[in-house]
């Protein structure tokens, strides 16, 4: 999977949070500056709340 796809999936996942993300052309460069591709991949899909094992 390319870095572009990783960041797109991460941004789409973050849009599902209770605070959401605004639609902005600057969103992807902003997220890329904050997270490495590895961090974005790891965080994508993490539960938004506590879950039991």
Protein backbone atom coordinates (compact mmCIF):
# COMPACT_ATOMS: atom_id res chain seq x y z
CA UNK A 1 0.00 0.00 0.00
CA UNK A 2 1.36 3.43 -0.91
CA UNK A 3 1.91 6.21 1.62
CA UNK A 4 -0.84 8.19 -0.10
CA UNK A 5 -3.33 5.36 0.50
CA UNK A 6 -2.24 4.98 4.12
CA UNK A 7 -2.82 8.66 4.83
CA UNK A 8 -6.15 8.67 2.95
CA UNK A 9 -7.42 5.72 5.02
CA UNK A 10 -6.22 7.42 8.22
CA UNK A 11 -7.98 10.67 7.33
CA UNK A 12 -11.19 8.78 6.46
CA UNK A 13 -10.97 6.93 9.79
CA UNK A 14 -10.42 10.20 11.69
CA UNK A 15 -13.52 11.71 10.05
CA UNK A 16 -15.58 9.08 11.92
CA UNK A 17 -14.54 10.38 15.34
CA UNK A 18 -16.97 12.34 17.51
CA UNK A 19 -15.15 15.61 16.74
CA UNK A 20 -14.66 14.86 13.03
CA UNK A 21 -12.31 16.56 10.62
CA UNK A 22 -13.14 19.45 8.34
CA UNK A 23 -12.95 19.10 4.57
CA UNK A 24 -9.81 21.00 3.59
CA UNK A 25 -7.17 20.78 0.90
CA UNK A 26 -4.54 21.24 3.59
CA UNK A 27 -5.63 18.17 5.60
CA UNK A 28 -3.37 15.60 3.96
CA UNK A 29 -0.15 17.68 4.18
CA UNK A 30 -1.04 18.53 7.78
CA UNK A 31 -1.55 14.86 8.73
CA UNK A 32 1.62 13.89 6.85
CA UNK A 33 3.57 16.42 8.92
CA UNK A 34 2.17 15.05 12.19
CA UNK A 35 2.30 11.28 11.58
CA UNK A 36 4.72 8.90 9.91
CA UNK A 37 3.17 6.36 7.53
CA UNK A 38 3.79 3.67 10.16
CA UNK A 39 1.98 5.66 12.85
CA UNK A 40 -0.95 6.43 10.55
CA UNK A 41 -1.22 2.76 9.57
CA UNK A 42 -1.12 1.61 13.20
CA UNK A 43 -3.70 4.14 14.38
CA UNK A 44 -6.15 3.52 11.53
CA UNK A 45 -8.95 1.39 12.85
CA UNK A 46 -8.13 1.75 16.55
CA UNK A 47 -11.36 1.76 18.56
CA UNK A 48 -12.69 5.16 19.56
CA UNK A 49 -13.60 3.96 23.03
CA UNK A 50 -12.74 1.25 25.50
CA UNK A 51 -13.29 -2.32 24.41
CA UNK A 52 -13.04 -5.53 26.37
CA UNK A 53 -10.55 -8.15 25.32
